[in-house]
Amino acid sequence: MERKYYPVCIDLTGKRCLVVGGGKVAERKVLGLIHYGAAVKVISGTLTEQLETLYRGKSIGYEKNTFHKKYLEGVFLVIGATNDPAVNKEVSDSAQKRGILVNIVDTPALCTYITPAVVESGDLSIGISTNGKCPALAANIRKKMEERYGDEYGEFLNLVGELRESVLKKVANPEKRKKIFENMVNSEILTLLRDKRKDEARKRAGVIIGSELEERSA
């Protein structure tokens, strides 16, 4: 039966994650895990210059060794990124026996999860997946979406995040709150932020909230 991967966002903050391999691909995976707050350890005979710098700066753990199942103790997630298929399969088999999430780079059959191509703008994250069939297409779509969803979307979420608590306190009705946020999304706020007119964007958000509060009290 063909696999279908369930899209999910996982909080990796402080989670112990293992990367087996120390080359450029492993480096990219390590940087991604660190970006999302994981506690990363690398097992490899050698490290790239950047991974070495991260290790010396105590940003990652490192053990110069070949993979052994003992390294999976207490691990939440593991990535196999070596150029040895036998080692990668050992990593996958050992992790799956222990119920640990595992990704083997470029080998979907050995994975229990795959990572999408991601577009990020502040707190906005958009994942693009091809179920492992064509990562190049996902990367191509990501580039197009990066042009579409610029910094203003992250700034919009920052603004809404600042105002959200106030709205939740002042507006008890869930439908009214929903309308306020929908009105913000459909307003010119994003355009104002794109044009670097942040003060005007904030004022416009205030007007939208105020209008709804006035309607409620009328």
Protein backbone atom coordinates (compact mmCIF):
# COMPACT_ATOMS: atom_id res chain seq x y z
CA MET A 1 0.00 0.00 0.00
CA GLU A 2 1.30 3.44 -0.93
CA ARG A 3 2.34 5.58 2.04
CA LYS A 4 0.57 8.79 2.91
CA TYR A 5 2.32 11.01 5.42
CA TYR A 6 0.25 12.80 8.06
CA PRO A 7 1.17 16.52 8.13
CA VAL A 8 2.01 17.62 11.65
CA CYS A 9 4.06 20.32 13.40
CA ILE A 10 6.18 19.06 16.31
CA ASP A 11 7.63 21.07 19.18
CA LEU A 12 11.30 20.09 19.35
CA THR A 13 12.24 22.57 22.06
CA GLY A 14 14.76 20.81 24.29
CA LYS A 15 14.08 17.42 22.69
CA ARG A 16 17.11 15.15 22.28
CA CYS A 17 17.73 14.55 18.58
CA LEU A 18 20.45 12.42 17.03
CA VAL A 19 22.07 12.95 13.63
CA VAL A 20 24.19 10.13 12.27
CA GLY A 21 26.69 11.52 9.77
CA GLY A 22 28.91 14.58 9.68
CA GLY A 23 28.90 15.74 6.06
CA LYS A 24 27.17 18.60 4.30
CA VAL A 25 23.76 16.92 4.29
CA ALA A 26 24.04 16.17 8.00
CA GLU A 27 25.12 19.78 8.56
CA ARG A 28 21.96 21.04 6.89
CA LYS A 29 19.83 18.73 9.03
CA VAL A 30 21.61 19.78 12.22
CA LEU A 31 21.10 23.47 11.45
CA GLY A 32 17.40 22.82 10.88
CA LEU A 33 17.02 21.00 14.19
CA ILE A 34 18.87 23.74 16.08
CA HIS A 35 16.65 26.35 14.44
CA TYR A 36 13.65 24.66 16.03
CA GLY A 37 15.22 24.40 19.48
CA ALA A 38 16.32 20.76 19.55
CA ALA A 39 19.21 19.45 21.66
CA VAL A 40 21.33 17.85 18.94
CA LYS A 41 24.06 15.23 19.12
CA VAL A 42 26.06 14.07 16.10
CA ILE A 43 27.66 10.67 15.67
CA SER A 44 30.30 10.58 12.93
CA GLY A 45 33.94 9.91 12.22
CA THR A 46 34.40 13.40 10.85
CA LEU A 47 32.62 16.76 10.89
CA THR A 48 32.30 19.59 8.42
CA GLU A 49 33.96 22.83 9.41
CA GLN A 50 30.64 24.36 10.44
CA LEU A 51 29.64 21.34 12.52
CA GLU A 52 33.05 21.46 14.18
CA THR A 53 32.45 25.13 15.01
CA LEU A 54 29.04 24.31 16.47
CA TYR A 55 30.57 21.55 18.59
CA ARG A 56 33.39 23.74 19.89
CA GLY A 57 30.82 26.43 20.68
CA LYS A 58 28.82 23.83 22.62
CA SER A 59 25.79 24.27 20.36
CA ILE A 60 25.74 20.52 19.64
CA GLY A 61 27.03 17.35 21.21
CA TYR A 62 29.41 15.13 19.28
CA GLU A 63 30.95 11.71 19.56
CA LYS A 64 33.59 10.56 17.09
CA ASN A 65 32.42 7.04 16.49
CA THR A 66 30.38 4.75 14.28
CA PHE A 67 26.68 4.32 14.97
CA HIS A 68 25.56 1.97 17.73
CA LYS A 69 22.06 1.41 19.05
CA LYS A 70 23.19 2.63 22.48
CA TYR A 71 23.16 6.20 21.10
CA LEU A 72 19.38 6.01 20.77
CA GLU A 73 18.84 5.93 24.53
CA GLY A 74 16.53 8.82 25.46
CA VAL A 75 16.40 10.16 21.91
CA PHE A 76 13.17 11.64 20.57
CA LEU A 77 14.07 11.78 16.88
CA VAL A 78 16.94 10.52 14.72
CA ILE A 79 18.21 11.40 11.25
CA GLY A 80 20.47 9.14 9.22
CA ALA A 81 22.63 11.14 6.83
CA THR A 82 25.62 8.97 6.01
CA ASN A 83 26.80 7.82 2.58
CA ASP A 84 26.71 4.18 3.70
CA PRO A 85 23.37 2.44 2.93
CA ALA A 86 24.09 -0.34 5.43
CA VAL A 87 24.63 2.15 8.27
CA ASN A 88 21.53 4.10 7.29
CA LYS A 89 19.44 0.92 7.35
CA GLU A 90 20.85 0.00 10.75
CA VAL A 91 19.89 3.43 12.06
CA SER A 92 16.37 3.04 10.68
CA ASP A 93 15.85 -0.50 11.96
CA SER A 94 17.22 0.32 15.43
CA ALA A 95 15.09 3.45 15.75
CA GLN A 96 11.88 1.79 14.55
CA LYS A 97 12.31 -1.09 17.00
CA ARG A 98 12.35 1.50 19.78
CA GLY A 99 9.44 3.54 18.43
CA ILE A 100 11.68 6.52 17.70
CA LEU A 101 10.87 8.85 14.82
CA VAL A 102 13.46 8.32 12.10
CA ASN A 103 14.32 9.96 8.81
CA ILE A 104 16.90 8.54 6.43
CA VAL A 105 17.88 11.19 3.91
CA ASP A 106 16.66 10.47 0.37
CA THR A 107 15.32 7.02 1.37
CA PRO A 108 11.58 7.31 2.09
CA ALA A 109 11.21 3.55 2.51
CA LEU A 110 13.39 3.72 5.64
CA CYS A 111 11.60 6.74 7.12
CA THR A 112 8.79 6.98 9.63
CA TYR A 113 8.56 10.71 8.90
CA ILE A 114 9.64 13.07 6.16
CA THR A 115 10.23 16.81 6.33
CA PRO A 116 8.49 19.17 3.89
CA ALA A 117 10.10 22.05 2.07
CA VAL A 118 9.28 25.01 4.30
CA VAL A 119 8.51 28.65 3.61
CA GLU A 120 8.92 30.83 6.71
CA SER A 121 8.08 34.43 7.45
CA GLY A 122 8.28 35.00 11.18
CA ASP A 123 5.63 32.77 12.76
CA LEU A 124 4.14 31.87 9.39
CA SER A 125 5.28 28.43 8.28
CA ILE A 126 4.09 26.78 5.07
CA GLY A 127 5.11 23.19 4.36
CA ILE A 128 5.22 21.66 0.86
CA SER A 129 5.43 17.89 0.51
CA THR A 130 5.34 15.48 -2.42
CA ASN A 131 5.17 12.39 -0.14
CA GLY A 132 8.85 11.86 -0.88
CA LYS A 133 8.28 11.39 -4.61
CA CYS A 134 9.90 14.57 -5.92
CA PRO A 135 11.65 16.87 -3.41
CA ALA A 136 12.86 18.98 -6.36
CA LEU A 137 9.26 19.95 -7.15
CA ALA A 138 8.65 20.86 -3.51
CA ALA A 139 11.79 23.05 -3.58
CA ASN A 140 10.62 24.71 -6.79
CA ILE A 141 7.22 25.51 -5.29
CA ARG A 142 8.90 26.79 -2.14
CA LYS A 143 10.90 29.35 -4.13
CA LYS A 144 7.74 30.63 -5.76
CA MET A 145 5.96 30.87 -2.41
CA GLU A 146 8.90 32.70 -0.83
CA GLU A 147 8.32 35.44 -3.39
CA ARG A 148 4.60 35.45 -2.61
CA TYR A 149 4.79 35.47 1.18
CA GLY A 150 7.25 38.14 2.25
CA ASP A 151 8.30 39.66 5.58
CA GLU A 152 5.00 41.50 5.90
CA TYR A 153 3.27 38.22 6.81
CA GLY A 154 5.57 37.66 9.77
CA GLU A 155 5.06 41.28 10.83
CA PHE A 156 1.29 40.85 10.49
CA LEU A 157 1.38 37.86 12.83
CA ASN A 158 3.47 39.81 15.33
CA LEU A 159 0.90 42.60 15.29
CA VAL A 160 -2.07 40.27 15.64
CA GLY A 161 -0.26 38.35 18.38
CA GLU A 162 0.21 41.57 20.35
CA LEU A 163 -3.47 42.48 20.01
CA ARG A 164 -4.92 39.01 20.45
CA GLU A 165 -4.93 38.94 24.26
CA SER A 166 -6.71 42.30 24.39
CA VAL A 167 -9.34 41.10 21.91
CA LEU A 168 -9.89 37.89 23.88
CA LYS A 169 -10.46 39.87 27.07
CA LYS A 170 -12.76 42.49 25.58
CA VAL A 171 -14.79 40.28 23.23
CA ALA A 172 -16.39 37.22 24.83
CA ASN A 173 -18.34 36.06 21.77
CA PRO A 174 -16.20 33.65 19.67
CA GLU A 175 -17.99 34.65 16.46
CA LYS A 176 -17.29 38.33 17.12
CA ARG A 177 -13.61 37.58 17.76
CA LYS A 178 -13.44 35.53 14.59
CA LYS A 179 -14.94 38.43 12.64
CA ILE A 180 -12.33 40.85 14.01
CA PHE A 181 -9.42 38.65 12.94
CA GLU A 182 -11.02 37.95 9.55
CA ASN A 183 -11.48 41.68 9.02
CA MET A 184 -7.80 42.22 9.82
CA VAL A 185 -6.73 39.56 7.33
CA ASN A 186 -9.00 41.00 4.62
CA SER A 187 -8.02 44.62 5.28
CA GLU A 188 -5.15 46.67 3.85
CA ILE A 189 -2.95 45.92 6.87
CA LEU A 190 -0.72 43.52 4.94
CA THR A 191 -0.28 46.08 2.17
CA LEU A 192 0.65 48.75 4.70
CA LEU A 193 3.22 46.44 6.28
CA ARG A 194 4.62 45.56 2.86
CA ASP A 195 5.07 49.29 2.24
CA LYS A 196 6.83 49.68 5.62
CA ARG A 197 3.97 51.78 7.03
CA LYS A 198 3.85 49.99 10.37
CA ASP A 199 2.28 52.80 12.40
CA GLU A 200 -0.58 53.06 9.91
CA ALA A 201 -1.05 49.29 9.98
CA ARG A 202 -1.32 49.34 13.77
CA LYS A 203 -3.83 52.20 13.65
CA ARG A 204 -5.91 50.32 11.08
CA ALA A 205 -5.96 47.26 13.32
CA GLY A 206 -7.12 49.44 16.20
CA VAL A 207 -9.93 50.85 14.07
CA ILE A 208 -11.11 47.35 13.16
CA ILE A 209 -11.18 46.28 16.81
CA GLY A 210 -12.85 49.54 17.86
CA SER A 211 -15.53 49.23 15.21
CA GLU A 212 -16.50 45.80 16.41
CA LEU A 213 -16.60 46.92 20.03
CA GLU A 214 -18.79 49.89 19.11
CA GLU A 215 -21.13 47.60 17.18
CA ARG A 216 -21.38 45.33 20.19
CA SER A 217 -22.25 48.17 22.57
CA ALA A 218 -24.70 49.85 20.19
